[in-house]
Amino acid sequence: MFRAQLSQQLETTSVTETTAPSLLHLTTLLCFQALHGLPLNVSGKYVPTILKHLASRLTSIDTNECGDSGDNLLSTKGNHILKQLGDAEAMIMAGWKNSTDSSNSSDNIMDLEAIHSVRQLGLDLCQTPPSLSLDPPTST
């Protein structure tokens, strides 16, 4: 249910400079859910922390631990995805800093194609079966 709501929000949110932070937020939440199989409902101020967690978790995963989740988007393209999300975060933060430091809005250039790619990544994650978690199975 939560995943479907995030998917719907991504589908209905257009790609603009003002919606870029929301798109990054939604996609980050979907990445967390794809990685752990659990929904996370937090405000956007936690996106940097979640991205750090995703980076540490994805770099520590050995492909042998993924079991049959090898077709999962995060397991096959984890480093590329992290770079894409990190670049979007840096661009958004730079744009925010420029907008607070200067009244000249022409300095605030955002790569909307990169934000579109982040949105598409979130939509692709919505298509990944939710049962494919990258967390290794726990032994009981």
C-alpha atoms as a PDB file:
ATOM      1  CA  MET A   1       0.000   0.000   0.000  1.00  0.00           C
ATOM      2  CA  PHE A   2       2.741   2.476   0.993  1.00  0.00           C
ATOM      3  CA  ARG A   3       4.752   1.605  -2.092  1.00  0.00           C
ATOM      4  CA  ALA A   4       1.729   2.149  -4.323  1.00  0.00           C
ATOM      5  CA  GLN A   5       1.196   5.585  -2.780  1.00  0.00           C
ATOM      6  CA  LEU A   6       4.819   6.542  -3.412  1.00  0.00           C
ATOM      7  CA  SER A   7       4.489   5.288  -6.979  1.00  0.00           C
ATOM      8  CA  GLN A   8       1.353   7.333  -7.542  1.00  0.00           C
ATOM      9  CA  GLN A   9       3.033  10.455  -6.163  1.00  0.00           C
ATOM     10  CA  LEU A  10       6.000   9.933  -8.492  1.00  0.00           C
ATOM     11  CA  GLU A  11       3.746   9.410 -11.498  1.00  0.00           C
ATOM     12  CA  THR A  12       1.731  12.562 -10.837  1.00  0.00           C
ATOM     13  CA  THR A  13       4.635  14.847  -9.927  1.00  0.00           C
ATOM     14  CA  SER A  14       6.063  16.741 -12.870  1.00  0.00           C
ATOM     15  CA  VAL A  15       9.786  17.356 -13.164  1.00  0.00           C
ATOM     16  CA  THR A  16      10.581  20.974 -12.319  1.00  0.00           C
ATOM     17  CA  GLU A  17      13.141  22.805 -10.226  1.00  0.00           C
ATOM     18  CA  THR A  18      10.610  23.149  -7.423  1.00  0.00           C
ATOM     19  CA  THR A  19       9.608  19.478  -7.396  1.00  0.00           C
ATOM     20  CA  ALA A  20      13.177  18.121  -7.600  1.00  0.00           C
ATOM     21  CA  PRO A  21      13.559  17.737  -3.803  1.00  0.00           C
ATOM     22  CA  SER A  22      10.252  15.850  -3.592  1.00  0.00           C
ATOM     23  CA  LEU A  23      11.240  13.517  -6.420  1.00  0.00           C
ATOM     24  CA  LEU A  24      14.571  12.779  -4.745  1.00  0.00           C
ATOM     25  CA  HIS A  25      12.777  12.173  -1.440  1.00  0.00           C
ATOM     26  CA  LEU A  26      10.251   9.754  -2.939  1.00  0.00           C
ATOM     27  CA  THR A  27      12.908   7.852  -4.886  1.00  0.00           C
ATOM     28  CA  THR A  28      15.136   7.575  -1.819  1.00  0.00           C
ATOM     29  CA  LEU A  29      12.260   6.104   0.182  1.00  0.00           C
ATOM     30  CA  LEU A  30      11.619   3.591  -2.595  1.00  0.00           C
ATOM     31  CA  CYS A  31      15.305   2.619  -2.650  1.00  0.00           C
ATOM     32  CA  PHE A  32      15.212   2.010   1.097  1.00  0.00           C
ATOM     33  CA  GLN A  33      12.105  -0.112   0.731  1.00  0.00           C
ATOM     34  CA  ALA A  34      13.621  -2.091  -2.162  1.00  0.00           C
ATOM     35  CA  LEU A  35      16.752  -2.709  -0.144  1.00  0.00           C
ATOM     36  CA  HIS A  36      15.161  -3.719   3.141  1.00  0.00           C
ATOM     37  CA  GLY A  37      11.657  -4.783   2.169  1.00  0.00           C
ATOM     38  CA  LEU A  38      10.274  -2.321   4.714  1.00  0.00           C
ATOM     39  CA  PRO A  39       8.540   1.017   4.176  1.00  0.00           C
ATOM     40  CA  LEU A  40      10.127   4.126   5.640  1.00  0.00           C
ATOM     41  CA  ASN A  41       8.025   7.213   6.254  1.00  0.00           C
ATOM     42  CA  VAL A  42      10.255  10.160   7.164  1.00  0.00           C
ATOM     43  CA  SER A  43      10.535  13.791   6.183  1.00  0.00           C
ATOM     44  CA  GLY A  44      12.840  14.978   3.438  1.00  0.00           C
ATOM     45  CA  LYS A  45      15.380  16.332   5.898  1.00  0.00           C
ATOM     46  CA  TYR A  46      16.507  12.725   6.414  1.00  0.00           C
ATOM     47  CA  VAL A  47      17.318  12.097   2.737  1.00  0.00           C
ATOM     48  CA  PRO A  48      21.090  12.677   3.229  1.00  0.00           C
ATOM     49  CA  THR A  49      21.136  10.230   6.155  1.00  0.00           C
ATOM     50  CA  ILE A  50      19.179   7.621   4.194  1.00  0.00           C
ATOM     51  CA  LEU A  51      21.528   8.014   1.216  1.00  0.00           C
ATOM     52  CA  LYS A  52      24.539   7.445   3.486  1.00  0.00           C
ATOM     53  CA  HIS A  53      22.854   4.340   4.873  1.00  0.00           C
ATOM     54  CA  LEU A  54      22.056   3.056   1.384  1.00  0.00           C
ATOM     55  CA  ALA A  55      25.637   3.673   0.279  1.00  0.00           C
ATOM     56  CA  SER A  56      27.121   1.780   3.212  1.00  0.00           C
ATOM     57  CA  ARG A  57      24.622  -1.055   2.836  1.00  0.00           C
ATOM     58  CA  LEU A  58      24.952  -1.465  -0.915  1.00  0.00           C
ATOM     59  CA  THR A  59      28.735  -1.388  -0.858  1.00  0.00           C
ATOM     60  CA  SER A  60      28.796  -4.053   1.852  1.00  0.00           C
ATOM     61  CA  ILE A  61      26.507  -6.460   0.004  1.00  0.00           C
ATOM     62  CA  ASP A  62      28.271  -9.290  -1.733  1.00  0.00           C
ATOM     63  CA  THR A  63      26.379 -10.511  -4.785  1.00  0.00           C
ATOM     64  CA  ASN A  64      26.497 -14.024  -3.368  1.00  0.00           C
ATOM     65  CA  GLU A  65      24.484 -12.842  -0.377  1.00  0.00           C
ATOM     66  CA  CYS A  66      21.684 -11.605  -2.605  1.00  0.00           C
ATOM     67  CA  GLY A  67      20.381 -15.086  -3.238  1.00  0.00           C
ATOM     68  CA  ASP A  68      17.722 -15.067  -5.908  1.00  0.00           C
ATOM     69  CA  SER A  69      17.412 -11.284  -5.823  1.00  0.00           C
ATOM     70  CA  GLY A  70      20.148 -10.931  -8.432  1.00  0.00           C
ATOM     71  CA  ASP A  71      17.658  -9.457 -10.885  1.00  0.00           C
ATOM     72  CA  ASN A  72      16.815  -6.657  -8.461  1.00  0.00           C
ATOM     73  CA  LEU A  73      17.621  -3.211  -9.844  1.00  0.00           C
ATOM     74  CA  LEU A  74      19.578  -2.261  -6.727  1.00  0.00           C
ATOM     75  CA  SER A  75      21.688  -5.405  -6.765  1.00  0.00           C
ATOM     76  CA  THR A  76      22.672  -4.979 -10.412  1.00  0.00           C
ATOM     77  CA  LYS A  77      23.091  -1.192 -10.591  1.00  0.00           C
ATOM     78  CA  GLY A  78      23.584  -0.161  -6.967  1.00  0.00           C
ATOM     79  CA  ASN A  79      26.685   1.985  -7.460  1.00  0.00           C
ATOM     80  CA  HIS A  80      25.222   3.790 -10.469  1.00  0.00           C
ATOM     81  CA  ILE A  81      21.981   4.441  -8.576  1.00  0.00           C
ATOM     82  CA  LEU A  82      23.842   5.798  -5.552  1.00  0.00           C
ATOM     83  CA  LYS A  83      25.863   8.126  -7.766  1.00  0.00           C
ATOM     84  CA  GLN A  84      22.717   9.317  -9.507  1.00  0.00           C
ATOM     85  CA  LEU A  85      20.949  10.043  -6.213  1.00  0.00           C
ATOM     86  CA  GLY A  86      24.041  11.632  -4.671  1.00  0.00           C
ATOM     87  CA  ASP A  87      24.545  13.894  -7.681  1.00  0.00           C
ATOM     88  CA  ALA A  88      20.883  14.949  -7.550  1.00  0.00           C
ATOM     89  CA  GLU A  89      21.183  15.703  -3.835  1.00  0.00           C
ATOM     90  CA  ALA A  90      24.318  17.805  -4.391  1.00  0.00           C
ATOM     91  CA  MET A  91      22.673  19.689  -7.252  1.00  0.00           C
ATOM     92  CA  ILE A  92      19.543  20.404  -5.209  1.00  0.00           C
ATOM     93  CA  MET A  93      21.559  21.545  -2.210  1.00  0.00           C
ATOM     94  CA  ALA A  94      23.743  23.775  -4.394  1.00  0.00           C
ATOM     95  CA  GLY A  95      20.633  25.315  -5.942  1.00  0.00           C
ATOM     96  CA  TRP A  96      19.151  25.899  -2.509  1.00  0.00           C
ATOM     97  CA  LYS A  97      22.371  27.497  -1.252  1.00  0.00           C
ATOM     98  CA  ASN A  98      22.556  29.750  -4.309  1.00  0.00           C
ATOM     99  CA  SER A  99      18.951  30.826  -3.863  1.00  0.00           C
ATOM    100  CA  THR A 100      19.568  31.847  -0.246  1.00  0.00           C
ATOM    101  CA  ASP A 101      22.930  33.522  -0.963  1.00  0.00           C
ATOM    102  CA  SER A 102      21.900  35.506  -4.009  1.00  0.00           C
ATOM    103  CA  SER A 103      18.818  37.221  -5.297  1.00  0.00           C
ATOM    104  CA  ASN A 104      19.917  36.433  -8.852  1.00  0.00           C
ATOM    105  CA  SER A 105      17.932  33.359  -9.876  1.00  0.00           C
ATOM    106  CA  SER A 106      19.942  32.950 -13.079  1.00  0.00           C
ATOM    107  CA  ASP A 107      22.697  31.334 -10.962  1.00  0.00           C
ATOM    108  CA  ASN A 108      20.325  28.512 -10.046  1.00  0.00           C
ATOM    109  CA  ILE A 109      20.704  26.122 -12.943  1.00  0.00           C
ATOM    110  CA  MET A 110      19.331  22.656 -12.312  1.00  0.00           C
ATOM    111  CA  ASP A 111      19.804  19.735 -14.653  1.00  0.00           C
ATOM    112  CA  LEU A 112      16.178  18.697 -15.108  1.00  0.00           C
ATOM    113  CA  GLU A 113      17.261  15.715 -17.195  1.00  0.00           C
ATOM    114  CA  ALA A 114      19.112  14.366 -14.145  1.00  0.00           C
ATOM    115  CA  ILE A 115      16.011  14.908 -12.014  1.00  0.00           C
ATOM    116  CA  HIS A 116      13.928  13.149 -14.676  1.00  0.00           C
ATOM    117  CA  SER A 117      16.344  10.199 -14.418  1.00  0.00           C
ATOM    118  CA  VAL A 118      15.881  10.128 -10.631  1.00  0.00           C
ATOM    119  CA  ARG A 119      12.103  10.080 -11.120  1.00  0.00           C
ATOM    120  CA  GLN A 120      12.410   7.270 -13.670  1.00  0.00           C
ATOM    121  CA  LEU A 121      14.599   5.320 -11.262  1.00  0.00           C
ATOM    122  CA  GLY A 122      11.856   5.577  -8.639  1.00  0.00           C
ATOM    123  CA  LEU A 123       9.255   4.400 -11.144  1.00  0.00           C
ATOM    124  CA  ASP A 124      11.518   1.485 -12.126  1.00  0.00           C
ATOM    125  CA  LEU A 125      11.883   0.546  -8.464  1.00  0.00           C
ATOM    126  CA  CYS A 126       8.088   0.480  -8.207  1.00  0.00           C
ATOM    127  CA  GLN A 127       8.060  -2.177 -10.929  1.00  0.00           C
ATOM    128  CA  THR A 128      10.510  -4.392  -9.021  1.00  0.00           C
ATOM    129  CA  PRO A 129       8.659  -7.097  -7.111  1.00  0.00           C
ATOM    130  CA  PRO A 130       8.524  -6.050  -3.445  1.00  0.00           C
ATOM    131  CA  SER A 131       9.639  -9.478  -2.267  1.00  0.00           C
ATOM    132  CA  LEU A 132      13.114  -8.905  -3.686  1.00  0.00           C
ATOM    133  CA  SER A 133      14.967  -7.542  -0.694  1.00  0.00           C
ATOM    134  CA  LEU A 134      18.729  -7.308  -0.740  1.00  0.00           C
ATOM    135  CA  ASP A 135      18.984  -8.056   2.966  1.00  0.00           C
ATOM    136  CA  PRO A 136      20.605 -11.452   3.384  1.00  0.00           C
ATOM    137  CA  PRO A 137      18.316 -14.073   4.896  1.00  0.00           C
ATOM    138  CA  THR A 138      18.563 -14.309   8.656  1.00  0.00           C
ATOM    139  CA  SER A 139      19.274 -17.689  10.155  1.00  0.00           C
ATOM    140  CA  THR A 140      16.879 -18.858  12.822  1.00  0.00           C
END
